[in-house]
Amino acid sequence: MATKQWALDPSHSEVQFKVKHMMISTVTGEFKEFDVKLSTEDNDFTKAKATFSAPLSAITTKNEQRDNHLRSADFFDAENHPHVTFESESISKKNDEEYELKGNLTIRSISRPVTLKVENSGVVADPWGNTRTGFEISGKISRKDFGLTYNAALETGGVVVGDEVRLFANVELVEQK
């Protein structure tokens, strides 16, 4: 079997997160910059090794004041912990398109195991002679597990920032020749 290296096509990829605000609405954030690397044995994704890294300077919620607060010590403490990273441990095939990806997510230098749902859209040849593959990835984490504990209580009960963070990524990768 031949080992294949896959690199991110950033113009066809996105990474987002969603968190409840005041228990009544959802705020979406994303990373304007990130990198994904994938190594496979041929096109067998069950033997894949994947890594993800995003600089916290690239976080955006389309609100500069909130983005700066997220980068502060109240949340990500980007000055001391400048990146969010993920490194895969295993991937198992559920059916022809669905996989379960297990690995370690690191935020604020705290690493925790996470399990993500992965849907593969297949492997195709593009018009320029490249081989491409695409994935939709989703999962949930508790922000408190990563030391993201800042919050404020509401007079009516509840809190300003929800604990559950939903993760979403759509990535397109190109086989390296």
C-alpha atoms as a PDB file:
ATOM      1  CA  MET A   1       0.000   0.000   0.000  1.00  0.00           C
ATOM      2  CA  ALA A   2       1.147   3.483  -0.820  1.00  0.00           C
ATOM      3  CA  THR A   3       1.023   6.242   1.736  1.00  0.00           C
ATOM      4  CA  LYS A   4      -0.778   9.336   0.483  1.00  0.00           C
ATOM      5  CA  GLN A   5      -0.448  12.823   1.881  1.00  0.00           C
ATOM      6  CA  TRP A   6      -3.412  15.180   1.570  1.00  0.00           C
ATOM      7  CA  ALA A   7      -3.303  18.968   2.008  1.00  0.00           C
ATOM      8  CA  LEU A   8      -6.095  21.404   2.733  1.00  0.00           C
ATOM      9  CA  ASP A   9      -7.781  23.387  -0.021  1.00  0.00           C
ATOM     10  CA  PRO A  10      -8.627  26.447   2.122  1.00  0.00           C
ATOM     11  CA  SER A  11     -10.835  28.082  -0.507  1.00  0.00           C
ATOM     12  CA  HIS A  12     -13.254  25.135  -0.277  1.00  0.00           C
ATOM     13  CA  SER A  13     -13.099  24.540   3.492  1.00  0.00           C
ATOM     14  CA  GLU A  14     -14.510  26.019   6.695  1.00  0.00           C
ATOM     15  CA  VAL A  15     -14.401  25.355  10.439  1.00  0.00           C
ATOM     16  CA  GLN A  16     -17.153  26.692  12.702  1.00  0.00           C
ATOM     17  CA  PHE A  17     -18.396  26.424  16.267  1.00  0.00           C
ATOM     18  CA  LYS A  18     -21.784  27.283  17.749  1.00  0.00           C
ATOM     19  CA  VAL A  19     -22.614  28.224  21.354  1.00  0.00           C
ATOM     20  CA  LYS A  20     -25.860  29.245  23.042  1.00  0.00           C
ATOM     21  CA  HIS A  21     -26.071  32.895  24.086  1.00  0.00           C
ATOM     22  CA  MET A  22     -28.322  33.745  27.032  1.00  0.00           C
ATOM     23  CA  MET A  23     -29.984  30.366  26.493  1.00  0.00           C
ATOM     24  CA  ILE A  24     -32.186  31.806  23.707  1.00  0.00           C
ATOM     25  CA  SER A  25     -30.025  32.174  20.612  1.00  0.00           C
ATOM     26  CA  THR A  26     -26.928  30.650  19.035  1.00  0.00           C
ATOM     27  CA  VAL A  27     -23.725  32.494  18.178  1.00  0.00           C
ATOM     28  CA  THR A  28     -21.603  31.128  15.344  1.00  0.00           C
ATOM     29  CA  GLY A  29     -17.855  31.546  15.257  1.00  0.00           C
ATOM     30  CA  GLU A  30     -15.306  30.416  12.743  1.00  0.00           C
ATOM     31  CA  PHE A  31     -11.612  30.297  12.052  1.00  0.00           C
ATOM     32  CA  LYS A  32     -10.499  32.491   9.139  1.00  0.00           C
ATOM     33  CA  GLU A  33      -7.260  30.470   9.010  1.00  0.00           C
ATOM     34  CA  PHE A  34      -6.555  26.837   9.832  1.00  0.00           C
ATOM     35  CA  ASP A  35      -4.621  23.863   8.545  1.00  0.00           C
ATOM     36  CA  VAL A  36      -5.548  20.219   8.126  1.00  0.00           C
ATOM     37  CA  LYS A  37      -3.169  17.451   7.133  1.00  0.00           C
ATOM     38  CA  LEU A  38      -4.212  13.902   6.333  1.00  0.00           C
ATOM     39  CA  SER A  39      -2.134  10.796   5.723  1.00  0.00           C
ATOM     40  CA  THR A  40      -3.770   7.617   4.370  1.00  0.00           C
ATOM     41  CA  GLU A  41      -2.858   4.206   3.052  1.00  0.00           C
ATOM     42  CA  ASP A  42      -4.132   4.510  -0.512  1.00  0.00           C
ATOM     43  CA  ASN A  43      -7.741   5.713  -0.122  1.00  0.00           C
ATOM     44  CA  ASP A  44      -8.384   3.737   3.076  1.00  0.00           C
ATOM     45  CA  PHE A  45      -9.564   6.346   5.563  1.00  0.00           C
ATOM     46  CA  THR A  46      -9.770   3.811   8.422  1.00  0.00           C
ATOM     47  CA  LYS A  47      -5.967   3.959   8.564  1.00  0.00           C
ATOM     48  CA  ALA A  48      -5.839   7.740   8.309  1.00  0.00           C
ATOM     49  CA  LYS A  49      -3.899  10.068  10.548  1.00  0.00           C
ATOM     50  CA  ALA A  50      -5.251  13.605  10.689  1.00  0.00           C
ATOM     51  CA  THR A  51      -4.112  16.824  12.313  1.00  0.00           C
ATOM     52  CA  PHE A  52      -5.799  20.207  12.658  1.00  0.00           C
ATOM     53  CA  SER A  53      -4.367  23.495  13.870  1.00  0.00           C
ATOM     54  CA  ALA A  54      -5.886  26.969  14.029  1.00  0.00           C
ATOM     55  CA  PRO A  55      -4.381  30.168  15.389  1.00  0.00           C
ATOM     56  CA  LEU A  56      -6.704  31.860  17.859  1.00  0.00           C
ATOM     57  CA  SER A  57      -5.803  35.158  16.215  1.00  0.00           C
ATOM     58  CA  ALA A  58      -7.965  33.911  13.320  1.00  0.00           C
ATOM     59  CA  ILE A  59     -11.154  33.469  15.351  1.00  0.00           C
ATOM     60  CA  THR A  60     -14.159  35.531  14.306  1.00  0.00           C
ATOM     61  CA  THR A  61     -17.777  35.797  15.396  1.00  0.00           C
ATOM     62  CA  LYS A  62     -18.329  38.896  13.224  1.00  0.00           C
ATOM     63  CA  ASN A  63     -18.184  41.067  16.356  1.00  0.00           C
ATOM     64  CA  GLU A  64     -14.767  42.569  17.090  1.00  0.00           C
ATOM     65  CA  GLN A  65     -15.468  43.254  20.782  1.00  0.00           C
ATOM     66  CA  ARG A  66     -16.619  39.647  21.342  1.00  0.00           C
ATOM     67  CA  ASP A  67     -13.694  38.267  19.306  1.00  0.00           C
ATOM     68  CA  ASN A  68     -11.204  40.205  21.456  1.00  0.00           C
ATOM     69  CA  HIS A  69     -12.944  38.928  24.597  1.00  0.00           C
ATOM     70  CA  LEU A  70     -12.686  35.346  23.290  1.00  0.00           C
ATOM     71  CA  ARG A  71      -8.933  35.811  22.768  1.00  0.00           C
ATOM     72  CA  SER A  72      -8.523  37.200  26.303  1.00  0.00           C
ATOM     73  CA  ALA A  73      -7.636  35.260  29.464  1.00  0.00           C
ATOM     74  CA  ASP A  74     -11.373  35.012  30.250  1.00  0.00           C
ATOM     75  CA  PHE A  75     -11.691  32.481  27.421  1.00  0.00           C
ATOM     76  CA  PHE A  76      -8.917  31.134  25.144  1.00  0.00           C
ATOM     77  CA  ASP A  77      -5.995  33.154  26.585  1.00  0.00           C
ATOM     78  CA  ALA A  78      -4.522  33.369  23.082  1.00  0.00           C
ATOM     79  CA  GLU A  79      -1.432  35.215  24.276  1.00  0.00           C
ATOM     80  CA  ASN A  80      -0.318  32.150  26.270  1.00  0.00           C
ATOM     81  CA  HIS A  81      -2.087  29.455  24.215  1.00  0.00           C
ATOM     82  CA  PRO A  82      -2.048  30.711  20.610  1.00  0.00           C
ATOM     83  CA  HIS A  83      -3.446  27.606  18.851  1.00  0.00           C
ATOM     84  CA  VAL A  84      -6.257  25.086  19.004  1.00  0.00           C
ATOM     85  CA  THR A  85      -5.106  21.652  17.798  1.00  0.00           C
ATOM     86  CA  PHE A  86      -6.510  18.207  17.123  1.00  0.00           C
ATOM     87  CA  GLU A  87      -4.624  14.965  16.506  1.00  0.00           C
ATOM     88  CA  SER A  88      -6.420  11.794  15.475  1.00  0.00           C
ATOM     89  CA  GLU A  89      -6.046   8.520  17.344  1.00  0.00           C
ATOM     90  CA  SER A  90      -8.398   6.255  15.361  1.00  0.00           C
ATOM     91  CA  ILE A  91     -11.101   6.280  12.742  1.00  0.00           C
ATOM     92  CA  SER A  92     -13.692   3.571  12.261  1.00  0.00           C
ATOM     93  CA  LYS A  93     -16.021   3.065   9.331  1.00  0.00           C
ATOM     94  CA  LYS A  94     -19.748   2.983  10.122  1.00  0.00           C
ATOM     95  CA  ASN A  95     -20.937   2.559   6.494  1.00  0.00           C
ATOM     96  CA  ASP A  96     -19.846   3.611   2.981  1.00  0.00           C
ATOM     97  CA  GLU A  97     -19.919   7.337   3.828  1.00  0.00           C
ATOM     98  CA  GLU A  98     -19.847   7.633   7.634  1.00  0.00           C
ATOM     99  CA  TYR A  99     -16.908   7.321  10.014  1.00  0.00           C
ATOM    100  CA  GLU A 100     -16.258   7.903  13.693  1.00  0.00           C
ATOM    101  CA  LEU A 101     -13.081   9.880  14.376  1.00  0.00           C
ATOM    102  CA  LYS A 102     -11.454   9.762  17.801  1.00  0.00           C
ATOM    103  CA  GLY A 103      -8.595  11.974  18.822  1.00  0.00           C
ATOM    104  CA  ASN A 104      -7.258  14.572  21.200  1.00  0.00           C
ATOM    105  CA  LEU A 105      -8.404  18.181  21.077  1.00  0.00           C
ATOM    106  CA  THR A 106      -6.149  20.718  22.785  1.00  0.00           C
ATOM    107  CA  ILE A 107      -7.398  24.123  23.928  1.00  0.00           C
ATOM    108  CA  ARG A 108      -5.540  26.295  26.488  1.00  0.00           C
ATOM    109  CA  SER A 109      -2.898  23.511  26.689  1.00  0.00           C
ATOM    110  CA  ILE A 110      -5.590  21.140  28.002  1.00  0.00           C
ATOM    111  CA  SER A 111      -5.954  17.972  25.911  1.00  0.00           C
ATOM    112  CA  ARG A 112      -9.121  15.895  26.054  1.00  0.00           C
ATOM    113  CA  PRO A 113     -10.326  12.951  23.976  1.00  0.00           C
ATOM    114  CA  VAL A 114     -13.175  13.782  21.603  1.00  0.00           C
ATOM    115  CA  THR A 115     -15.273  11.735  19.207  1.00  0.00           C
ATOM    116  CA  LEU A 116     -16.423  13.306  15.955  1.00  0.00           C
ATOM    117  CA  LYS A 117     -18.853  12.189  13.281  1.00  0.00           C
ATOM    118  CA  VAL A 118     -17.313  12.255   9.808  1.00  0.00           C
ATOM    119  CA  GLU A 119     -19.027  11.963   6.448  1.00  0.00           C
ATOM    120  CA  ASN A 120     -16.821  11.380   3.408  1.00  0.00           C
ATOM    121  CA  SER A 121     -18.111  12.671   0.091  1.00  0.00           C
ATOM    122  CA  GLY A 122     -15.839  10.394  -1.917  1.00  0.00           C
ATOM    123  CA  VAL A 123     -12.620  10.718  -3.875  1.00  0.00           C
ATOM    124  CA  VAL A 124     -12.649  12.416  -7.293  1.00  0.00           C
ATOM    125  CA  ALA A 125     -10.284  13.533 -10.021  1.00  0.00           C
ATOM    126  CA  ASP A 126     -10.576  17.237 -10.744  1.00  0.00           C
ATOM    127  CA  PRO A 127     -10.231  18.807 -14.234  1.00  0.00           C
ATOM    128  CA  TRP A 128      -6.612  19.798 -13.498  1.00  0.00           C
ATOM    129  CA  GLY A 129      -5.297  16.293 -12.814  1.00  0.00           C
ATOM    130  CA  ASN A 130      -5.520  16.398  -9.026  1.00  0.00           C
ATOM    131  CA  THR A 131      -7.218  13.907  -6.719  1.00  0.00           C
ATOM    132  CA  ARG A 132      -9.552  15.421  -4.129  1.00  0.00           C
ATOM    133  CA  THR A 133     -11.660  14.247  -1.215  1.00  0.00           C
ATOM    134  CA  GLY A 134     -14.133  16.035   1.024  1.00  0.00           C
ATOM    135  CA  PHE A 135     -15.374  15.589   4.570  1.00  0.00           C
ATOM    136  CA  GLU A 136     -18.146  16.993   6.727  1.00  0.00           C
ATOM    137  CA  ILE A 137     -17.241  16.753  10.401  1.00  0.00           C
ATOM    138  CA  SER A 138     -19.415  17.418  13.430  1.00  0.00           C
ATOM    139  CA  GLY A 139     -19.271  16.946  17.171  1.00  0.00           C
ATOM    140  CA  LYS A 140     -19.924  18.437  20.576  1.00  0.00           C
ATOM    141  CA  ILE A 141     -17.656  19.356  23.461  1.00  0.00           C
ATOM    142  CA  SER A 142     -18.041  20.899  26.887  1.00  0.00           C
ATOM    143  CA  ARG A 143     -16.091  24.152  26.952  1.00  0.00           C
ATOM    144  CA  LYS A 144     -15.568  23.721  30.707  1.00  0.00           C
ATOM    145  CA  ASP A 145     -13.533  20.560  29.994  1.00  0.00           C
ATOM    146  CA  PHE A 146     -10.950  22.868  28.391  1.00  0.00           C
ATOM    147  CA  GLY A 147     -10.822  25.504  31.129  1.00  0.00           C
ATOM    148  CA  LEU A 148     -13.245  27.854  29.363  1.00  0.00           C
ATOM    149  CA  THR A 149     -15.279  28.640  32.453  1.00  0.00           C
ATOM    150  CA  TYR A 150     -16.009  32.370  32.145  1.00  0.00           C
ATOM    151  CA  ASN A 151     -19.719  33.125  32.483  1.00  0.00           C
ATOM    152  CA  ALA A 152     -22.274  35.431  34.026  1.00  0.00           C
ATOM    153  CA  ALA A 153     -25.594  34.527  35.630  1.00  0.00           C
ATOM    154  CA  LEU A 154     -28.835  35.925  34.256  1.00  0.00           C
ATOM    155  CA  GLU A 155     -31.440  37.474  36.556  1.00  0.00           C
ATOM    156  CA  THR A 156     -34.043  35.124  35.107  1.00  0.00           C
ATOM    157  CA  GLY A 157     -31.890  32.056  35.718  1.00  0.00           C
ATOM    158  CA  GLY A 158     -29.409  30.477  33.388  1.00  0.00           C
ATOM    159  CA  VAL A 159     -26.146  31.884  32.081  1.00  0.00           C
ATOM    160  CA  VAL A 160     -24.851  34.151  29.324  1.00  0.00           C
ATOM    161  CA  VAL A 161     -22.698  31.492  27.590  1.00  0.00           C
ATOM    162  CA  GLY A 162     -23.783  27.867  27.183  1.00  0.00           C
ATOM    163  CA  ASP A 163     -21.408  25.050  28.098  1.00  0.00           C
ATOM    164  CA  GLU A 164     -22.042  22.863  25.037  1.00  0.00           C
ATOM    165  CA  VAL A 165     -20.077  23.830  21.946  1.00  0.00           C
ATOM    166  CA  ARG A 166     -21.131  22.295  18.650  1.00  0.00           C
ATOM    167  CA  LEU A 167     -18.323  21.843  16.125  1.00  0.00           C
ATOM    168  CA  PHE A 168     -18.743  21.822  12.342  1.00  0.00           C
ATOM    169  CA  ALA A 169     -16.165  21.528   9.590  1.00  0.00           C
ATOM    170  CA  ASN A 170     -16.332  21.087   5.847  1.00  0.00           C
ATOM    171  CA  VAL A 171     -12.923  20.356   4.410  1.00  0.00           C
ATOM    172  CA  GLU A 172     -11.668  19.605   0.945  1.00  0.00           C
ATOM    173  CA  LEU A 173      -8.263  17.998   0.635  1.00  0.00           C
ATOM    174  CA  VAL A 174      -5.956  17.561  -2.354  1.00  0.00           C
ATOM    175  CA  GLU A 175      -3.609  14.576  -2.707  1.00  0.00           C
ATOM    176  CA  GLN A 176       0.009  15.722  -2.776  1.00  0.00           C
ATOM    177  CA  LYS A 177       2.113  14.386  -5.607  1.00  0.00           C
END
